[in-house]
Amino acid sequence: MKSILIRDTTREERERIVHQALWGACGIDCEFCSDCDNRGGGRTETLYQDYIDGKREIREINEQFRAPLVRG
């Protein structure tokens, strides 16, 4: 598997990575989902825009997103 780090990817590759990860596996079974256009919860790629723009790694974005959910 090719690296998904910003330094190893182009913007176009990062857009494809985000798209495939978030929508590629989507079977449009939205019972528990609220992060895409299908449910009106906003566009998920907005969450990963900093990665697409080369500002923050996916890991950093995921850590920030999960931080309020971690008890401890």
Protein backbone atom coordinates (compact mmCIF):
# COMPACT_ATOMS: atom_id res chain seq x y z
CA MET A 1 0.00 0.00 0.00
CA LYS A 2 1.28 3.44 -0.91
CA SER A 3 1.79 5.98 1.84
CA ILE A 4 -1.08 8.40 2.44
CA LEU A 5 1.10 10.99 4.16
CA ILE A 6 0.89 14.51 2.77
CA ARG A 7 4.56 14.50 1.80
CA ASP A 8 4.00 11.38 -0.32
CA THR A 9 0.82 12.45 -2.12
CA THR A 10 -0.49 15.08 -4.47
CA ARG A 11 -3.65 17.03 -3.81
CA GLU A 12 -5.48 14.94 -6.41
CA GLU A 13 -4.35 11.73 -4.72
CA ARG A 14 -5.51 13.04 -1.32
CA GLU A 15 -8.92 13.91 -2.77
CA ARG A 16 -9.17 10.37 -4.15
CA ILE A 17 -8.01 8.85 -0.83
CA VAL A 18 -10.69 10.76 1.11
CA HIS A 19 -13.37 9.96 -1.44
CA GLN A 20 -12.57 6.25 -1.52
CA ALA A 21 -12.27 5.95 2.25
CA LEU A 22 -15.49 7.80 3.03
CA TRP A 23 -17.75 7.01 0.12
CA GLY A 24 -16.12 4.09 -1.65
CA ALA A 25 -17.33 1.66 0.98
CA CYS A 26 -20.69 3.35 1.39
CA GLY A 27 -23.59 1.12 0.64
CA ILE A 28 -26.02 4.00 1.18
CA ASP A 29 -27.23 2.35 4.39
CA CYS A 30 -27.50 5.54 6.38
CA GLU A 31 -29.16 4.41 9.58
CA PHE A 32 -26.27 5.55 11.78
CA CYS A 33 -24.61 8.01 9.43
CA SER A 34 -25.08 11.77 9.37
CA ASP A 35 -21.97 12.99 7.64
CA CYS A 36 -22.80 12.98 3.95
CA ASP A 37 -25.16 14.57 1.48
CA ASN A 38 -27.55 11.61 1.67
CA ARG A 39 -28.66 12.50 5.21
CA GLY A 40 -28.31 16.25 5.03
CA GLY A 41 -25.70 16.33 7.79
CA GLY A 42 -23.17 18.24 5.76
CA ARG A 43 -20.36 17.05 3.54
CA THR A 44 -17.85 14.72 5.15
CA GLU A 45 -14.97 15.93 3.03
CA THR A 46 -15.22 19.22 4.92
CA LEU A 47 -13.88 17.36 7.96
CA TYR A 48 -10.86 16.24 5.90
CA GLN A 49 -10.35 19.46 3.93
CA ASP A 50 -7.14 20.26 5.85
CA TYR A 51 -5.72 16.91 4.71
CA ILE A 52 -6.76 17.52 1.12
CA ASP A 53 -5.17 20.99 1.32
CA GLY A 54 -1.95 19.52 2.76
CA LYS A 55 -2.26 21.22 6.16
CA ARG A 56 -2.84 18.30 8.56
CA GLU A 57 -2.48 14.54 8.34
CA ILE A 58 -5.52 12.27 8.52
CA ARG A 59 -4.24 10.96 11.86
CA GLU A 60 -4.27 14.46 13.36
CA ILE A 61 -7.80 15.15 12.14
CA ASN A 62 -9.07 11.82 13.46
CA GLU A 63 -7.43 12.41 16.85
CA GLN A 64 -9.03 15.83 17.15
CA PHE A 65 -12.41 14.45 16.11
CA ARG A 66 -12.24 11.57 18.62
CA ALA A 67 -10.85 13.56 21.55
CA PRO A 68 -14.23 14.66 22.93
CA LEU A 69 -15.49 11.07 22.65
CA VAL A 70 -12.71 9.53 24.75
CA ARG A 71 -13.47 9.20 28.42
CA GLY A 72 -10.91 8.99 30.86
